[in-house]
Protein backbone atom coordinates (compact mmCIF):
# COMPACT_ATOMS: atom_id res chain seq x y z
CA MET A 1 21.17 -13.80 4.36
CA GLU A 2 19.76 -14.31 0.84
CA LEU A 3 15.99 -14.12 0.47
CA ALA A 4 14.46 -17.41 -0.62
CA VAL A 5 12.27 -16.39 -3.56
CA GLU A 6 10.67 -19.77 -4.09
CA LEU A 7 8.13 -20.41 -1.35
CA ARG A 8 7.33 -23.88 -0.14
CA ARG A 9 3.71 -24.76 -0.87
CA GLU A 10 1.58 -26.41 1.74
CA PRO A 11 1.32 -30.19 1.38
CA ASN A 12 -1.91 -31.20 -0.32
CA SER A 13 -2.96 -33.56 2.41
CA PRO A 14 -6.32 -35.35 2.06
CA LEU A 15 -6.74 -34.85 5.80
CA LEU A 16 -6.99 -31.06 5.37
CA SER A 17 -9.51 -28.82 3.67
CA LYS A 18 -8.99 -27.33 0.22
CA MET A 19 -8.99 -23.89 1.80
CA ALA A 20 -6.25 -24.83 4.24
CA THR A 21 -4.00 -26.16 1.49
CA SER A 22 -4.74 -23.51 -1.15
CA ASP A 23 -2.66 -20.42 -1.81
CA GLY A 24 -5.65 -18.12 -1.39
CA HIS A 25 -3.91 -16.53 1.60
CA GLY A 26 -2.00 -14.44 -0.93
CA GLU A 27 1.31 -14.75 0.90
CA ASN A 28 3.09 -16.17 -2.16
CA SER A 29 4.00 -12.61 -3.04
CA SER A 30 7.10 -10.44 -3.01
CA TYR A 31 5.17 -8.12 -0.66
CA PHE A 32 5.15 -10.74 2.07
CA ASP A 33 8.58 -12.10 1.09
CA GLY A 34 10.03 -8.74 2.06
CA TRP A 35 8.51 -9.02 5.51
CA LYS A 36 10.00 -12.49 5.91
CA ALA A 37 13.42 -11.17 4.92
CA TYR A 38 13.11 -8.52 7.61
CA ASP A 39 11.93 -11.05 10.21
CA CYS A 40 14.99 -13.21 9.51
CA ASP A 41 17.45 -10.33 9.86
CA PRO A 42 15.87 -7.29 11.57
CA PHE A 43 17.85 -4.08 11.87
CA HIS A 44 18.89 -2.90 15.32
CA PRO A 45 21.11 0.17 15.78
CA THR A 46 23.52 -1.61 18.15
CA SER A 47 22.95 -5.38 18.10
CA ASN A 48 22.40 -5.71 14.33
CA PRO A 49 23.30 -2.47 12.52
CA GLU A 50 23.72 -4.29 9.19
CA GLY A 51 20.26 -5.88 9.34
CA VAL A 52 17.24 -5.26 7.09
CA ILE A 53 15.35 -2.03 7.78
CA GLN A 54 11.57 -2.34 7.61
CA LEU A 55 10.23 0.07 4.99
CA GLY A 56 7.42 -2.26 3.94
CA LEU A 57 5.08 -1.88 6.92
CA ALA A 58 2.45 0.89 6.79
CA GLU A 59 2.47 1.56 10.50
CA ASN A 60 2.11 4.93 12.22
CA GLN A 61 4.52 5.16 15.14
CA LEU A 62 4.90 8.93 15.06
CA CYS A 63 2.26 9.82 17.66
CA LEU A 64 2.25 7.03 20.22
CA ASP A 65 3.77 9.29 22.88
CA PRO A 66 0.72 11.57 23.32
CA ILE A 67 -1.51 8.49 23.55
CA GLN A 68 0.78 7.00 26.20
CA GLU A 69 0.64 10.26 28.10
CA TRP A 70 -3.16 10.29 27.98
CA ILE A 71 -3.30 6.74 29.35
CA LYS A 72 -1.01 7.72 32.24
CA ASN A 73 -3.22 10.69 33.04
CA ASN A 74 -6.47 8.71 32.77
CA PRO A 75 -5.96 5.47 34.72
CA LYS A 76 -9.69 5.10 35.33
CA ALA A 77 -10.17 4.38 31.61
CA SER A 78 -8.60 0.95 32.11
CA ILE A 79 -10.12 -1.87 34.15
CA CYS A 80 -6.56 -3.05 34.85
CA THR A 81 -5.64 -0.18 37.16
CA GLU A 82 -6.35 0.33 40.83
CA VAL A 83 -8.78 3.19 40.15
CA GLY A 84 -10.48 1.47 37.22
CA VAL A 85 -10.75 -2.08 38.55
CA SER A 86 -14.20 -1.40 40.00
CA GLU A 87 -15.59 -1.86 36.47
CA PHE A 88 -13.65 -5.08 35.92
CA LYS A 89 -16.54 -7.47 36.55
CA ASN A 90 -18.96 -5.61 34.28
CA ILE A 91 -16.52 -5.36 31.40
CA ALA A 92 -14.91 -8.79 31.76
CA ASN A 93 -18.28 -10.57 31.50
CA PHE A 94 -19.95 -11.34 28.18
CA GLN A 95 -20.93 -8.34 26.07
CA ASP A 96 -23.34 -8.11 23.17
CA TYR A 97 -21.45 -8.47 19.88
CA HIS A 98 -23.05 -5.23 18.72
CA GLY A 99 -20.31 -3.64 20.83
CA LEU A 100 -20.52 -1.37 23.86
CA ARG A 101 -22.95 1.45 23.15
CA VAL A 102 -20.56 4.03 24.58
CA PHE A 103 -17.82 2.74 22.30
CA ARG A 104 -19.88 2.88 19.11
CA GLU A 105 -20.94 6.41 20.01
CA ALA A 106 -17.32 7.44 20.57
CA VAL A 107 -16.21 5.87 17.26
CA ALA A 108 -19.02 7.61 15.35
CA LYS A 109 -17.98 10.92 16.93
CA PHE A 110 -14.32 10.34 16.05
CA MET A 111 -15.13 9.40 12.45
CA ARG A 112 -16.99 12.68 12.07
CA LYS A 113 -14.11 14.69 13.55
CA VAL A 114 -11.48 13.02 11.35
CA ARG A 115 -13.57 13.93 8.29
CA GLY A 116 -13.69 17.59 9.26
CA GLY A 117 -17.17 17.48 10.78
CA ARG A 118 -18.72 17.52 7.31
CA SER A 119 -20.65 14.26 7.78
CA ASP A 120 -22.52 12.63 10.61
CA PHE A 121 -22.23 8.95 11.50
CA HIS A 122 -24.88 7.08 13.45
CA PRO A 123 -23.64 4.61 16.08
CA ASP A 124 -26.38 2.12 15.15
CA ARG A 125 -24.81 1.73 11.69
CA ILE A 126 -21.39 0.88 13.07
CA VAL A 127 -20.37 -2.78 13.04
CA MET A 128 -17.21 -3.74 14.91
CA SER A 129 -14.69 -6.21 13.49
CA GLY A 130 -11.23 -7.56 14.20
CA GLY A 131 -9.27 -4.87 12.40
CA ALA A 132 -9.58 -3.64 8.82
CA THR A 133 -8.91 -7.19 7.62
CA GLY A 134 -12.05 -8.41 9.36
CA ALA A 135 -14.05 -5.45 8.08
CA ALA A 136 -13.07 -6.13 4.46
CA GLU A 137 -13.97 -9.79 4.72
CA VAL A 138 -17.31 -9.14 6.45
CA ILE A 139 -18.43 -6.72 3.74
CA ALA A 140 -17.33 -9.21 1.06
CA PHE A 141 -19.36 -11.97 2.71
CA CYS A 142 -22.40 -9.67 2.87
CA LEU A 143 -22.32 -8.46 -0.73
CA ALA A 144 -21.10 -11.30 -2.95
CA ASP A 145 -21.31 -15.04 -3.48
CA PRO A 146 -18.37 -17.26 -4.47
CA GLY A 147 -17.36 -16.63 -8.07
CA GLU A 148 -18.77 -13.10 -8.16
CA ALA A 149 -16.42 -10.16 -8.34
CA PHE A 150 -15.30 -6.83 -6.89
CA LEU A 151 -13.61 -4.34 -9.20
CA VAL A 152 -10.59 -2.67 -7.57
CA PRO A 153 -8.41 0.07 -9.14
CA THR A 154 -4.70 -0.67 -9.48
CA PRO A 155 -2.31 -0.38 -7.83
CA TYR A 156 -4.03 -1.75 -4.74
CA TYR A 157 -3.12 -3.09 -1.30
CA PRO A 158 -1.72 -6.63 -1.78
CA ALA A 159 -3.57 -8.11 1.19
CA PHE A 160 -6.92 -7.34 -0.49
CA ASP A 161 -6.31 -10.57 -2.38
CA ARG A 162 -6.36 -12.36 0.97
CA ASP A 163 -8.89 -10.27 2.86
CA LEU A 164 -11.53 -10.22 0.13
CA ARG A 165 -11.00 -13.56 -1.63
CA TRP A 166 -9.54 -16.33 0.47
CA ARG A 167 -12.45 -17.48 2.58
CA THR A 168 -15.29 -15.81 0.63
CA GLY A 169 -14.42 -17.28 -2.78
CA ILE A 170 -15.10 -14.02 -4.62
CA GLN A 171 -12.88 -12.63 -7.37
CA VAL A 172 -10.92 -9.38 -7.36
CA LEU A 173 -10.68 -7.89 -10.86
CA PRO A 174 -8.43 -4.92 -11.66
CA ILE A 175 -9.40 -1.51 -12.94
CA GLN A 176 -6.22 -0.55 -14.77
CA CYS A 177 -4.96 2.93 -13.87
CA LYS A 178 -1.95 4.63 -15.45
CA SER A 179 0.92 6.81 -14.28
CA SER A 180 0.30 9.17 -17.21
CA ASN A 181 -2.61 10.70 -15.26
CA HIS A 182 -1.16 9.98 -11.80
CA PHE A 183 -3.12 6.69 -11.55
CA LYS A 184 -6.45 8.51 -11.43
CA ILE A 185 -9.59 6.35 -11.76
CA THR A 186 -11.37 7.19 -15.01
CA ARG A 187 -14.85 6.36 -16.23
CA THR A 188 -13.28 4.71 -19.28
CA ALA A 189 -11.18 2.38 -17.13
CA LEU A 190 -14.22 1.52 -15.01
CA GLU A 191 -16.35 0.72 -18.04
CA SER A 192 -13.56 -1.36 -19.55
CA ALA A 193 -13.12 -3.49 -16.42
CA TYR A 194 -16.87 -3.96 -16.05
CA GLU A 195 -17.35 -4.96 -19.70
CA LYS A 196 -14.39 -7.36 -19.53
CA ALA A 197 -16.01 -9.12 -16.56
CA GLN A 198 -19.32 -9.35 -18.42
CA LYS A 199 -17.66 -10.90 -21.46
CA ALA A 200 -16.08 -13.48 -19.13
CA ASN A 201 -19.55 -14.17 -17.70
CA VAL A 202 -18.49 -12.92 -14.24
CA ARG A 203 -21.07 -11.01 -12.23
CA VAL A 204 -19.70 -7.80 -10.74
CA LYS A 205 -21.22 -6.99 -7.34
CA ALA A 206 -19.15 -4.01 -6.20
CA VAL A 207 -16.42 -1.49 -6.83
CA MET A 208 -14.00 -1.15 -3.93
CA VAL A 209 -11.63 1.81 -3.62
CA ALA A 210 -9.15 2.90 -0.98
CA ASN A 211 -9.44 6.60 -0.20
CA PRO A 212 -6.77 7.75 0.62
CA SER A 213 -5.01 5.25 -1.61
CA ASN A 214 -2.67 2.57 -0.41
CA PRO A 215 -0.02 2.57 -1.96
CA LEU A 216 -0.29 5.92 -3.76
CA GLY A 217 -0.86 8.24 -0.80
CA THR A 218 -3.34 10.24 -2.90
CA ILE A 219 -6.97 11.11 -2.25
CA LEU A 220 -10.03 10.95 -4.49
CA ASP A 221 -11.40 14.34 -5.41
CA ARG A 222 -15.10 15.16 -5.17
CA GLU A 223 -15.67 14.78 -8.91
CA THR A 224 -14.14 11.29 -8.98
CA LEU A 225 -16.23 10.21 -5.98
CA ARG A 226 -19.37 11.50 -7.67
CA MET A 227 -18.45 9.59 -10.80
CA LEU A 228 -17.97 6.39 -8.76
CA VAL A 229 -21.32 6.83 -7.02
CA ASN A 230 -23.08 7.52 -10.32
CA PHE A 231 -21.39 4.57 -12.03
CA THR A 232 -22.21 2.04 -9.29
CA ASN A 233 -25.74 3.36 -8.77
CA GLY A 234 -26.30 3.18 -12.51
CA LYS A 235 -25.08 -0.42 -12.72
CA ARG A 236 -26.99 -1.35 -9.53
CA ILE A 237 -23.83 -2.57 -7.84
CA HIS A 238 -22.26 -1.59 -4.53
CA LEU A 239 -19.55 0.98 -3.80
CA ILE A 240 -17.19 0.24 -0.88
CA CYS A 241 -14.81 2.97 0.26
CA ASP A 242 -11.92 1.87 2.44
CA GLU A 243 -11.19 5.05 4.41
CA ILE A 244 -8.75 3.72 7.01
CA PHE A 245 -6.18 6.43 6.14
CA ALA A 246 -8.72 9.28 6.40
CA GLY A 247 -6.93 10.91 9.33
CA THR A 248 -3.50 10.83 7.69
CA VAL A 249 -4.19 13.59 5.12
CA PHE A 250 -1.43 16.02 6.05
CA LYS A 251 -1.79 18.80 3.46
CA ASP A 252 -4.26 20.24 0.95
CA PRO A 253 -6.43 19.33 -0.78
CA GLN A 254 -8.59 18.20 2.13
CA PHE A 255 -10.02 14.71 2.39
CA VAL A 256 -13.48 14.10 0.94
CA SER A 257 -15.39 11.12 2.31
CA VAL A 258 -17.97 9.26 0.27
CA SER A 259 -20.32 10.09 3.14
CA GLU A 260 -20.25 13.72 1.94
CA ILE A 261 -21.33 12.66 -1.54
CA VAL A 262 -24.15 10.60 -0.06
CA ASP A 263 -25.34 13.55 2.05
CA GLU A 264 -25.31 16.06 -0.83
CA ASP A 265 -27.03 13.83 -3.42
CA PRO A 266 -30.73 13.29 -2.69
CA ASN A 267 -30.99 10.88 -5.63
CA CYS A 268 -28.21 8.58 -4.44
CA ASP A 269 -29.29 5.06 -3.48
CA ARG A 270 -27.65 4.93 -0.06
CA SER A 271 -28.28 1.22 0.32
CA LEU A 272 -25.45 0.62 -2.17
CA ILE A 273 -22.82 2.64 -0.24
CA HIS A 274 -20.52 1.21 2.46
CA ILE A 275 -17.42 2.40 4.32
CA THR A 276 -14.68 0.38 6.01
CA TYR A 277 -12.55 2.04 8.66
CA SER A 278 -10.04 1.24 11.38
CA LEU A 279 -8.10 2.85 14.20
CA SER A 280 -4.89 1.18 13.02
CA LYS A 281 -3.56 4.04 10.88
CA ASP A 282 -5.01 7.30 12.17
CA LEU A 283 -4.20 6.46 15.80
CA GLY A 284 -1.37 4.00 15.15
CA LEU A 285 -3.09 1.20 17.09
CA PRO A 286 -3.06 -1.86 14.78
CA GLY A 287 -2.48 -4.16 17.75
CA PHE A 288 -5.85 -3.16 19.23
CA ARG A 289 -7.58 -4.81 16.21
CA VAL A 290 -10.38 -2.27 15.89
CA GLY A 291 -12.09 -2.37 12.50
CA VAL A 292 -15.37 -0.83 11.42
CA VAL A 293 -17.98 -1.52 8.78
CA TYR A 294 -20.29 1.46 8.31
CA SER A 295 -23.17 0.72 5.97
CA TYR A 296 -26.18 2.74 4.83
CA ASN A 297 -27.94 -0.58 4.11
CA ASP A 298 -30.03 -1.89 7.04
CA THR A 299 -29.84 -5.51 5.87
CA VAL A 300 -26.06 -5.35 5.57
CA VAL A 301 -25.80 -3.89 9.09
CA ARG A 302 -27.90 -6.71 10.54
CA CYS A 303 -26.01 -9.42 8.66
CA ALA A 304 -22.58 -7.95 9.42
CA ARG A 305 -23.39 -7.80 13.12
CA ARG A 306 -24.23 -11.49 13.13
CA MET A 307 -20.93 -12.20 11.40
CA SER A 308 -18.98 -9.96 13.77
CA SER A 309 -19.18 -12.62 16.46
CA PHE A 310 -16.30 -14.32 14.61
CA GLY A 311 -14.00 -11.32 15.11
CA LEU A 312 -15.03 -9.24 18.08
CA VAL A 313 -13.08 -6.36 19.57
CA SER A 314 -12.35 -7.12 23.23
CA SER A 315 -14.57 -5.30 25.73
CA GLN A 316 -11.48 -4.12 27.61
CA THR A 317 -10.21 -2.41 24.44
CA GLN A 318 -13.63 -0.90 23.72
CA TYR A 319 -13.88 0.47 27.26
CA LEU A 320 -10.46 2.15 27.15
CA LEU A 321 -10.92 3.64 23.68
CA ALA A 322 -14.45 4.83 24.42
CA SER A 323 -13.01 7.06 27.12
CA MET A 324 -10.12 8.26 24.97
CA LEU A 325 -12.18 9.01 21.86
CA SER A 326 -14.79 10.84 23.93
CA ASP A 327 -12.14 13.31 25.11
CA ASP A 328 -12.76 16.12 22.61
CA GLU A 329 -9.81 18.25 23.58
CA PHE A 330 -7.40 15.33 23.36
CA THR A 331 -8.64 13.93 20.02
CA THR A 332 -8.63 17.41 18.42
CA LYS A 333 -5.00 17.97 19.43
CA LEU A 334 -4.03 14.42 18.49
CA ILE A 335 -5.43 14.64 14.96
CA GLU A 336 -3.59 17.93 14.42
CA GLU A 337 -0.35 16.48 15.78
CA VAL A 338 -0.60 13.35 13.64
CA ARG A 339 -0.97 15.47 10.53
CA ARG A 340 1.84 17.82 11.53
CA ARG A 341 4.31 15.01 12.19
CA LEU A 342 3.36 13.11 9.04
CA SER A 343 3.82 16.24 6.96
CA LYS A 344 7.25 16.89 8.45
CA ARG A 345 8.39 13.29 7.96
CA HIS A 346 7.03 13.14 4.40
CA GLU A 347 8.82 16.36 3.46
CA LEU A 348 12.12 15.21 4.94
CA PHE A 349 11.89 11.77 3.36
CA THR A 350 10.96 12.88 -0.16
CA SER A 351 13.45 15.78 -0.21
CA ARG A 352 16.32 13.43 0.67
CA LEU A 353 15.24 11.08 -2.11
CA ALA A 354 15.01 13.96 -4.57
CA LYS A 355 18.61 14.96 -3.86
CA VAL A 356 19.79 11.70 -5.45
CA GLY A 357 17.31 11.93 -8.32
CA ILE A 358 14.54 9.71 -6.96
CA GLN A 359 11.10 11.15 -7.50
CA CYS A 360 7.87 10.05 -5.84
CA LEU A 361 4.29 10.41 -7.00
CA GLU A 362 2.94 13.67 -5.60
CA SER A 363 0.88 12.76 -2.54
CA ASN A 364 -0.69 14.27 0.56
CA ALA A 365 -1.82 11.33 2.69
CA GLY A 366 -0.88 7.95 4.07
CA LEU A 367 2.23 6.57 5.71
CA PHE A 368 4.19 5.87 2.53
CA CYS A 369 5.47 7.17 -0.80
CA TRP A 370 5.05 5.69 -4.27
CA MET A 371 8.70 5.76 -5.33
CA ASP A 372 9.71 5.85 -8.99
CA LEU A 373 12.77 3.67 -9.67
CA ARG A 374 12.03 3.01 -13.34
CA ARG A 375 15.33 4.50 -14.49
CA LEU A 376 17.21 1.97 -12.37
CA LEU A 377 15.67 -1.04 -14.14
CA LYS A 378 17.91 -3.08 -16.40
CA GLU A 379 14.85 -4.08 -18.38
CA PHE A 380 11.34 -2.65 -18.31
CA THR A 381 9.57 -5.83 -17.21
CA VAL A 382 8.19 -7.34 -14.02
CA GLU A 383 11.25 -9.57 -13.83
CA GLY A 384 13.46 -6.51 -14.22
CA GLU A 385 11.60 -4.91 -11.32
CA LEU A 386 11.97 -8.01 -9.15
CA GLU A 387 15.68 -8.21 -9.99
CA LEU A 388 16.11 -4.67 -8.68
CA TRP A 389 13.98 -5.49 -5.63
CA ARG A 390 16.19 -8.50 -4.78
CA VAL A 391 19.24 -6.25 -4.83
CA ILE A 392 17.53 -3.76 -2.53
CA ILE A 393 16.48 -6.52 -0.12
CA ASN A 394 19.67 -8.60 -0.13
CA ASP A 395 22.42 -6.02 -0.68
CA VAL A 396 21.02 -2.65 0.41
CA LYS A 397 19.13 -4.37 3.24
CA LEU A 398 15.89 -2.42 2.91
CA ASN A 399 12.44 -3.97 2.75
CA VAL A 400 10.56 -1.97 0.15
CA SER A 401 7.57 -3.35 -1.74
CA PRO A 402 7.67 -3.73 -5.55
CA GLY A 403 4.79 -2.31 -7.55
CA SER A 404 4.00 -5.67 -9.15
CA SER A 405 2.91 -6.95 -5.73
CA PHE A 406 0.31 -4.12 -5.79
CA HIS A 407 -0.80 -5.26 -9.27
CA CYS A 408 0.73 -2.20 -10.90
CA HIS A 409 1.18 -3.03 -14.59
CA GLU A 410 4.01 -0.49 -15.04
CA PRO A 411 7.32 -1.91 -13.74
CA GLY A 412 9.63 0.21 -11.61
CA TRP A 413 7.33 1.66 -8.94
CA PHE A 414 7.94 0.79 -5.27
CA ARG A 415 6.05 1.58 -2.08
CA VAL A 416 8.28 2.82 0.74
CA CYS A 417 6.90 3.47 4.24
CA PHE A 418 8.28 6.36 6.29
CA ALA A 419 6.22 6.52 9.51
CA ASN A 420 7.11 3.22 11.19
CA MET A 421 10.55 4.18 12.56
CA ASP A 422 12.37 6.74 14.65
CA ASP A 423 14.43 9.56 13.17
CA GLU A 424 17.73 7.74 13.62
CA THR A 425 16.58 4.62 11.77
CA MET A 426 15.12 6.73 8.99
CA ASP A 427 18.45 8.50 8.60
CA VAL A 428 20.23 5.14 8.24
CA ALA A 429 17.66 3.94 5.71
CA LEU A 430 17.95 7.09 3.61
CA GLY A 431 21.72 6.87 3.79
CA ARG A 432 21.58 3.35 2.37
CA ILE A 433 19.31 4.49 -0.46
CA GLU A 434 21.60 7.41 -1.27
CA SER A 435 24.70 5.20 -1.30
CA PHE A 436 22.97 2.62 -3.49
CA VAL A 437 21.84 5.20 -6.05
CA LEU A 438 25.30 6.77 -6.21
CA ARG A 439 26.94 3.35 -6.66
CA THR A 440 24.42 2.50 -9.38
CA LYS A 441 25.09 5.78 -11.18
CA GLU A 442 28.86 5.24 -11.02
CA ALA A 443 28.50 1.68 -12.30
CA ALA A 444 26.35 2.95 -15.18
CA VAL A 445 28.97 5.60 -16.06
CA GLN A 446 31.76 3.03 -16.04
CA ALA A 447 29.70 0.63 -18.16
CA LYS A 448 29.00 3.42 -20.65
CA LYS A 449 32.69 4.35 -20.84
CA LYS A 450 33.59 0.71 -21.46
CA LYS A 451 30.97 0.50 -24.19
CA TRP A 452 32.28 3.70 -25.80
CA LYS A 453 35.78 2.25 -25.90
CA GLN A 454 34.53 -1.01 -27.41
CA ASP A 455 32.37 0.81 -29.96
CA GLY A 456 35.24 3.17 -30.77
CA LEU A 457 37.56 0.24 -31.45
CA ARG A 458 35.02 -1.41 -33.73
CA LEU A 459 34.46 1.84 -35.60
CA SER A 460 38.17 2.59 -36.06
CA LEU A 461 39.14 -0.71 -37.73
CA PRO A 462 37.22 -0.34 -41.02
CA ARG A 463 38.37 3.27 -41.40
CA ARG A 464 41.99 2.20 -40.96
CA PHE A 465 41.64 -0.45 -43.65
CA GLU A 466 39.90 2.05 -45.92
CA ASP A 467 42.74 4.52 -45.52
CA MET A 468 45.30 1.84 -46.33
CA ALA A 469 43.40 0.84 -49.45
CA THR A 470 43.81 4.35 -50.86
CA MET A 471 47.58 4.37 -50.41
CA THR A 472 49.60 4.32 -53.65
CA SER A 473 52.08 1.56 -54.27
CA SER A 474 54.85 4.15 -54.45
CA LEU A 475 54.34 4.89 -50.81
CA MET A 476 54.63 1.26 -49.72
CA SER A 477 57.35 -1.29 -50.18
CA PRO A 478 56.23 -4.37 -52.19
CA HIS A 479 57.57 -6.40 -49.28
CA SER A 480 55.54 -4.53 -46.68
CA PRO A 481 53.31 -6.73 -44.51
CA LEU A 482 50.58 -4.16 -44.99
CA VAL A 483 50.17 -5.05 -48.63
CA PRO A 484 48.74 -8.58 -48.21
CA ALA A 485 46.72 -7.41 -45.22
CA THR A 486 45.17 -4.62 -47.25
CA THR A 487 44.54 -6.85 -50.23
CA SER A 488 42.91 -9.47 -48.02
CA ALA A 489 40.69 -6.87 -46.37
CA LEU A 490 39.50 -5.55 -49.72
CA VAL A 491 38.69 -9.00 -51.02
CA VAL A 492 36.54 -9.72 -48.00
């Protein structure tokens, strides 16, 4: 089934709001088109073995089994079991939108553990939201007015365009990062983006970074975080660190949270520092819709809590997770197991790609790789990248996400997710990639041979005529057909 590239726009009905009929949702993107292609033709090992395999969803399915086992062994944690139903009435009734105290305490404890115990988090600074999407929007509402801007380093998560902009009306302006230094954020790039916004008369209110990065799978080192804090403090703007992949760092160097920088710098203005977090990636529970805004600014905390009533986490979910996250022995083992399994899967995935000449940006975190397919482009443009992406979607039947959908200005990079499938599906996906690369290489060899033959023919003709022109008349009959041909060639 061919992917429909042109998306139908919503009808501009006068009966609907401008927001409802705008394209601020950000779904007019190849990133979301890939999901739609998968939804139309999903892979199944037996019922649809030729279907599209989902490599575009950053979901962690590698450690759901220990969580399932914990739930079986702790039935009292749920109000929907015979032993836990005694708490049903208390939990099912209305709860304060600040969230259950026991839950916020458990989340604060878990955040500290995920970050190696190097920072403390206070439960009274935790604001609950409906997933990381809700957390991003809440902080945007708190910090900026319509028309004002956040600076975000590229490449960045495509849904930031929706989460941060659609309903708030703020702008997202890129900080251009380059592959030549592994897409590291530099002071020069920051200054350039800030000055460009000023020249356009756009007020910058914050810098927002994802640490670890989505889609790069890299982490920010301590020096870069210090630079970001110094830059934003100096400009009197906010710094937001999206740390939802903090628990997915599977090898050295270790993760450094902005909270560590705040704690070690007595001169830092904490009121300008904010963290967004979620249980979607570290625990693999996106369906639970647990997002967190953690702010060092008292006013932001108060305002965000008022806004959180529009996207609460259900009390039933809070009650269950409060018990799970309070189990120190379990969470310690779970974090270690998540990292171990991610490391193993990452190593297997990247080594198989390397065998067919596909390199990925060196990374140590996340649920994905930043795959370099630049050498497979027919032309080094965004359209060349999208042409390759269409082949991968429609012919290879893999949903990978093109770099242009992450606002990467260098064509040929693709994000590929490796943690959202079982081993068997991953093997099929890698087999398809390997076959595609080998076919592409063979086609390139054949095309080059054909070109050599054509070029060789073109090169041989003038030499042949030149040789004939040097022949003496004694060697050729005056009636030879070569005589007029040679004469004609020389005249031309």
